[in-house]
Amino acid sequence: MAAHERCGSIPPFRRTHHVQTGVGHCGVFNGRRWESSICPIVRDFVFAHG
Protein backbone atom coordinates (compact mmCIF):
# COMPACT_ATOMS: atom_id res chain seq x y z
CA MET A 1 0.00 0.00 0.00
CA ALA A 2 2.93 2.34 0.65
CA ALA A 3 3.98 2.10 -3.00
CA HIS A 4 0.49 3.10 -4.12
CA GLU A 5 0.66 6.19 -1.91
CA ARG A 6 4.06 7.18 -3.29
CA CYS A 7 3.13 6.67 -6.94
CA GLY A 8 0.19 9.03 -7.20
CA SER A 9 0.66 9.69 -10.92
CA ILE A 10 -0.11 6.06 -11.82
CA PRO A 11 -3.82 5.81 -12.68
CA PRO A 12 -5.92 3.40 -10.60
CA PHE A 13 -6.62 1.10 -13.57
CA ARG A 14 -2.87 0.40 -13.80
CA ARG A 15 -2.60 -0.65 -10.15
CA THR A 16 -3.35 -3.82 -8.29
CA HIS A 17 -2.92 -4.95 -4.71
CA HIS A 18 -2.39 -8.51 -3.52
CA VAL A 19 -1.83 -9.83 0.00
CA GLN A 20 -0.55 -13.40 0.15
CA THR A 21 -1.45 -15.08 3.42
CA GLY A 22 1.06 -17.32 5.13
CA VAL A 23 4.13 -15.65 3.60
CA GLY A 24 6.69 -13.52 5.37
CA HIS A 25 8.67 -10.65 3.90
CA CYS A 26 11.37 -12.87 2.33
CA GLY A 27 8.94 -15.58 1.25
CA VAL A 28 7.15 -13.20 -1.07
CA PHE A 29 9.93 -13.48 -3.66
CA ASN A 30 11.16 -17.04 -3.31
CA GLY A 31 9.97 -20.54 -2.57
CA ARG A 32 6.86 -22.53 -3.25
CA ARG A 33 4.33 -19.73 -2.67
CA TRP A 34 6.21 -17.41 -5.03
CA GLU A 35 6.20 -20.02 -7.77
CA SER A 36 2.64 -21.24 -7.33
CA SER A 37 0.73 -18.16 -6.22
CA ILE A 38 2.54 -14.84 -6.49
CA CYS A 39 4.61 -15.12 -9.67
CA PRO A 40 1.59 -15.86 -11.89
CA ILE A 41 -0.17 -12.75 -10.58
CA VAL A 42 2.88 -10.56 -11.19
CA ARG A 43 3.46 -12.10 -14.64
CA ASP A 44 -0.15 -11.61 -15.72
CA PHE A 45 -0.13 -8.01 -14.50
CA VAL A 46 3.06 -7.22 -16.42
CA PHE A 47 1.72 -8.78 -19.62
CA ALA A 48 -1.60 -6.93 -19.27
CA HIS A 49 0.02 -3.54 -18.69
CA GLY A 50 3.37 -3.81 -20.45
PDB file of N, CA and C in Angstrom:
ATOM      1  N   MET A   1       0.824  -1.193   0.000  1.00  0.00           N
ATOM      2  CA  MET A   1       0.000   0.000   0.000  1.00  0.00           C
ATOM      3  C   MET A   1       0.867   1.256   0.000  1.00  0.00           C
ATOM      4  N   ALA A   2       2.039   1.174   0.609  1.00  0.00           N
ATOM      5  CA  ALA A   2       2.928   2.338   0.646  1.00  0.00           C
ATOM      6  C   ALA A   2       3.346   2.745  -0.760  1.00  0.00           C
ATOM      7  N   ALA A   3       3.590   1.783  -1.625  1.00  0.00           N
ATOM      8  CA  ALA A   3       3.982   2.103  -3.000  1.00  0.00           C
ATOM      9  C   ALA A   3       2.850   2.819  -3.732  1.00  0.00           C
ATOM     10  N   HIS A   4       1.631   2.437  -3.478  1.00  0.00           N
ATOM     11  CA  HIS A   4       0.488   3.098  -4.116  1.00  0.00           C
ATOM     12  C   HIS A   4       0.415   4.567  -3.680  1.00  0.00           C
ATOM     13  N   GLU A   5       0.694   4.822  -2.418  1.00  0.00           N
ATOM     14  CA  GLU A   5       0.656   6.189  -1.910  1.00  0.00           C
ATOM     15  C   GLU A   5       1.761   7.040  -2.526  1.00  0.00           C
ATOM     16  N   ARG A   6       2.913   6.442  -2.766  1.00  0.00           N
ATOM     17  CA  ARG A   6       4.064   7.182  -3.287  1.00  0.00           C
ATOM     18  C   ARG A   6       4.011   7.377  -4.803  1.00  0.00           C
ATOM     19  N   CYS A   7       3.206   6.598  -5.470  1.00  0.00           N
ATOM     20  CA  CYS A   7       3.131   6.670  -6.943  1.00  0.00           C
ATOM     21  C   CYS A   7       1.783   7.226  -7.372  1.00  0.00           C
ATOM     22  N   GLY A   8       1.488   8.424  -6.947  1.00  0.00           N
ATOM     23  CA  GLY A   8       0.186   9.030  -7.198  1.00  0.00           C
ATOM     24  C   GLY A   8      -0.115   9.311  -8.656  1.00  0.00           C
ATOM     25  N   SER A   9       0.917   9.382  -9.507  1.00  0.00           N
ATOM     26  CA  SER A   9       0.662   9.686 -10.917  1.00  0.00           C
ATOM     27  C   SER A   9       0.252   8.460 -11.729  1.00  0.00           C
ATOM     28  N   ILE A  10       0.327   7.280 -11.129  1.00  0.00           N
ATOM     29  CA  ILE A  10      -0.109   6.063 -11.818  1.00  0.00           C
ATOM     30  C   ILE A  10      -1.628   5.950 -11.663  1.00  0.00           C
ATOM     31  N   PRO A  11      -2.355   5.875 -12.776  1.00  0.00           N
ATOM     32  CA  PRO A  11      -3.819   5.808 -12.675  1.00  0.00           C
ATOM     33  C   PRO A  11      -4.289   4.514 -12.003  1.00  0.00           C
ATOM     34  N   PRO A  12      -5.411   4.568 -11.330  1.00  0.00           N
ATOM     35  CA  PRO A  12      -5.917   3.400 -10.598  1.00  0.00           C
ATOM     36  C   PRO A  12      -6.077   2.142 -11.460  1.00  0.00           C
ATOM     37  N   PHE A  13      -6.426   2.285 -12.739  1.00  0.00           N
ATOM     38  CA  PHE A  13      -6.619   1.098 -13.566  1.00  0.00           C
ATOM     39  C   PHE A  13      -5.296   0.394 -13.878  1.00  0.00           C
ATOM     40  N   ARG A  14      -4.173   1.026 -13.595  1.00  0.00           N
ATOM     41  CA  ARG A  14      -2.866   0.404 -13.795  1.00  0.00           C
ATOM     42  C   ARG A  14      -2.257  -0.088 -12.477  1.00  0.00           C
ATOM     43  N   ARG A  15      -3.063  -0.197 -11.457  1.00  0.00           N
ATOM     44  CA  ARG A  15      -2.598  -0.647 -10.151  1.00  0.00           C
ATOM     45  C   ARG A  15      -3.334  -1.922  -9.751  1.00  0.00           C
ATOM     46  N   THR A  16      -2.684  -2.680  -8.913  1.00  0.00           N
ATOM     47  CA  THR A  16      -3.353  -3.820  -8.286  1.00  0.00           C
ATOM     48  C   THR A  16      -2.720  -4.041  -6.926  1.00  0.00           C
ATOM     49  N   HIS A  17      -3.429  -4.679  -6.057  1.00  0.00           N
ATOM     50  CA  HIS A  17      -2.924  -4.954  -4.712  1.00  0.00           C
ATOM     51  C   HIS A  17      -3.224  -6.409  -4.393  1.00  0.00           C
ATOM     52  N   HIS A  18      -2.220  -7.100  -3.873  1.00  0.00           N
ATOM     53  CA  HIS A  18      -2.389  -8.512  -3.524  1.00  0.00           C
ATOM     54  C   HIS A  18      -1.710  -8.772  -2.194  1.00  0.00           C
ATOM     55  N   VAL A  19      -2.404  -9.413  -1.275  1.00  0.00           N
ATOM     56  CA  VAL A  19      -1.827  -9.829   0.001  1.00  0.00           C
ATOM     57  C   VAL A  19      -1.842 -11.352   0.020  1.00  0.00           C
ATOM     58  N   GLN A  20      -0.673 -11.947   0.115  1.00  0.00           N
ATOM     59  CA  GLN A  20      -0.554 -13.402   0.152  1.00  0.00           C
ATOM     60  C   GLN A  20      -0.479 -13.853   1.600  1.00  0.00           C
ATOM     61  N   THR A  21      -1.453 -14.601   2.047  1.00  0.00           N
ATOM     62  CA  THR A  21      -1.453 -15.077   3.421  1.00  0.00           C
ATOM     63  C   THR A  21      -0.424 -16.182   3.599  1.00  0.00           C
ATOM     64  N   GLY A  22       0.123 -16.257   4.792  1.00  0.00           N
ATOM     65  CA  GLY A  22       1.063 -17.318   5.128  1.00  0.00           C
ATOM     66  C   GLY A  22       2.466 -17.135   4.589  1.00  0.00           C
ATOM     67  N   VAL A  23       2.801 -15.923   4.157  1.00  0.00           N
ATOM     68  CA  VAL A  23       4.130 -15.652   3.604  1.00  0.00           C
ATOM     69  C   VAL A  23       4.735 -14.468   4.335  1.00  0.00           C
ATOM     70  N   GLY A  24       5.987 -14.624   4.742  1.00  0.00           N
ATOM     71  CA  GLY A  24       6.691 -13.517   5.367  1.00  0.00           C
ATOM     72  C   GLY A  24       7.328 -12.619   4.329  1.00  0.00           C
ATOM     73  N   HIS A  25       8.058 -11.632   4.796  1.00  0.00           N
ATOM     74  CA  HIS A  25       8.672 -10.647   3.900  1.00  0.00           C
ATOM     75  C   HIS A  25       9.576 -11.314   2.854  1.00  0.00           C
ATOM     76  N   CYS A  26      10.444 -12.213   3.271  1.00  0.00           N
ATOM     77  CA  CYS A  26      11.369 -12.868   2.332  1.00  0.00           C
ATOM     78  C   CYS A  26      10.666 -13.912   1.477  1.00  0.00           C
ATOM     79  N   GLY A  27       9.638 -14.541   1.986  1.00  0.00           N
ATOM     80  CA  GLY A  27       8.935 -15.576   1.252  1.00  0.00           C
ATOM     81  C   GLY A  27       8.118 -15.068   0.084  1.00  0.00           C
ATOM     82  N   VAL A  28       7.923 -13.766   0.028  1.00  0.00           N
ATOM     83  CA  VAL A  28       7.147 -13.202  -1.071  1.00  0.00           C
ATOM     84  C   VAL A  28       7.855 -13.428  -2.400  1.00  0.00           C
ATOM     85  N   PHE A  29       9.179 -13.409  -2.410  1.00  0.00           N
ATOM     86  CA  PHE A  29       9.932 -13.476  -3.657  1.00  0.00           C
ATOM     87  C   PHE A  29      10.738 -14.746  -3.853  1.00  0.00           C
ATOM     88  N   ASN A  30      10.491 -15.767  -3.074  1.00  0.00           N
ATOM     89  CA  ASN A  30      11.158 -17.045  -3.310  1.00  0.00           C
ATOM     90  C   ASN A  30      10.341 -18.178  -2.713  1.00  0.00           C
ATOM     91  N   GLY A  31      10.631 -19.380  -3.129  1.00  0.00           N
ATOM     92  CA  GLY A  31       9.969 -20.544  -2.567  1.00  0.00           C
ATOM     93  C   GLY A  31       8.700 -20.954  -3.288  1.00  0.00           C
ATOM     94  N   ARG A  32       8.041 -21.896  -2.667  1.00  0.00           N
ATOM     95  CA  ARG A  32       6.856 -22.526  -3.252  1.00  0.00           C
ATOM     96  C   ARG A  32       5.710 -21.545  -3.470  1.00  0.00           C
ATOM     97  N   ARG A  33       5.449 -20.684  -2.512  1.00  0.00           N
ATOM     98  CA  ARG A  33       4.331 -19.726  -2.667  1.00  0.00           C
ATOM     99  C   ARG A  33       4.601 -18.734  -3.788  1.00  0.00           C
ATOM    100  N   TRP A  34       5.860 -18.302  -3.920  1.00  0.00           N
ATOM    101  CA  TRP A  34       6.208 -17.407  -5.027  1.00  0.00           C
ATOM    102  C   TRP A  34       5.893 -18.085  -6.354  1.00  0.00           C
ATOM    103  N   GLU A  35       6.371 -19.303  -6.507  1.00  0.00           N
ATOM    104  CA  GLU A  35       6.204 -20.022  -7.769  1.00  0.00           C
ATOM    105  C   GLU A  35       4.747 -20.346  -8.080  1.00  0.00           C
ATOM    106  N   SER A  36       4.005 -20.767  -7.070  1.00  0.00           N
ATOM    107  CA  SER A  36       2.644 -21.236  -7.334  1.00  0.00           C
ATOM    108  C   SER A  36       1.578 -20.149  -7.257  1.00  0.00           C
ATOM    109  N   SER A  37       1.793 -19.130  -6.451  1.00  0.00           N
ATOM    110  CA  SER A  37       0.727 -18.156  -6.225  1.00  0.00           C
ATOM    111  C   SER A  37       1.064 -16.733  -6.654  1.00  0.00           C
ATOM    112  N   ILE A  38       2.234 -16.253  -6.301  1.00  0.00           N
ATOM    113  CA  ILE A  38       2.543 -14.842  -6.488  1.00  0.00           C
ATOM    114  C   ILE A  38       3.077 -14.546  -7.889  1.00  0.00           C
ATOM    115  N   CYS A  39       4.012 -15.349  -8.357  1.00  0.00           N
ATOM    116  CA  CYS A  39       4.612 -15.119  -9.674  1.00  0.00           C
ATOM    117  C   CYS A  39       3.567 -15.066 -10.793  1.00  0.00           C
ATOM    118  N   PRO A  40       2.594 -15.960 -10.827  1.00  0.00           N
ATOM    119  CA  PRO A  40       1.587 -15.865 -11.887  1.00  0.00           C
ATOM    120  C   PRO A  40       0.801 -14.547 -11.869  1.00  0.00           C
ATOM    121  N   ILE A  41       0.548 -14.013 -10.692  1.00  0.00           N
ATOM    122  CA  ILE A  41      -0.174 -12.748 -10.581  1.00  0.00           C
ATOM    123  C   ILE A  41       0.695 -11.611 -11.119  1.00  0.00           C
ATOM    124  N   VAL A  42       1.964 -11.597 -10.724  1.00  0.00           N
ATOM    125  CA  VAL A  42       2.883 -10.563 -11.194  1.00  0.00           C
ATOM    126  C   VAL A  42       3.064 -10.677 -12.708  1.00  0.00           C
ATOM    127  N   ARG A  43       3.278 -11.877 -13.202  1.00  0.00           N
ATOM    128  CA  ARG A  43       3.462 -12.101 -14.638  1.00  0.00           C
ATOM    129  C   ARG A  43       2.246 -11.629 -15.440  1.00  0.00           C
ATOM    130  N   ASP A  44       1.060 -12.008 -15.005  1.00  0.00           N
ATOM    131  CA  ASP A  44      -0.150 -11.606 -15.722  1.00  0.00           C
ATOM    132  C   ASP A  44      -0.346 -10.096 -15.702  1.00  0.00           C
ATOM    133  N   PHE A  45      -0.018  -9.457 -14.579  1.00  0.00           N
ATOM    134  CA  PHE A  45      -0.135  -8.011 -14.502  1.00  0.00           C
ATOM    135  C   PHE A  45       0.830  -7.331 -15.469  1.00  0.00           C
ATOM    136  N   VAL A  46       2.074  -7.804 -15.516  1.00  0.00           N
ATOM    137  CA  VAL A  46       3.065  -7.223 -16.420  1.00  0.00           C
ATOM    138  C   VAL A  46       2.627  -7.395 -17.865  1.00  0.00           C
ATOM    139  N   PHE A  47       2.165  -8.559 -18.238  1.00  0.00           N
ATOM    140  CA  PHE A  47       1.717  -8.785 -19.617  1.00  0.00           C
ATOM    141  C   PHE A  47       0.496  -7.933 -19.975  1.00  0.00           C
ATOM    142  N   ALA A  48      -0.387  -7.718 -19.012  1.00  0.00           N
ATOM    143  CA  ALA A  48      -1.599  -6.932 -19.266  1.00  0.00           C
ATOM    144  C   ALA A  48      -1.305  -5.440 -19.405  1.00  0.00           C
ATOM    145  N   HIS A  49      -0.254  -4.972 -18.723  1.00  0.00           N
ATOM    146  CA  HIS A  49       0.018  -3.539 -18.690  1.00  0.00           C
ATOM    147  C   HIS A  49       1.330  -3.155 -19.332  1.00  0.00           C
ATOM    148  N   GLY A  50       2.049  -4.105 -19.886  1.00  0.00           N
ATOM    149  CA  GLY A  50       3.371  -3.811 -20.451  1.00  0.00           C
ATOM    150  C   GLY A  50       3.308  -3.469 -21.835  1.00  0.00           C
TER     151      GLY A  50
END
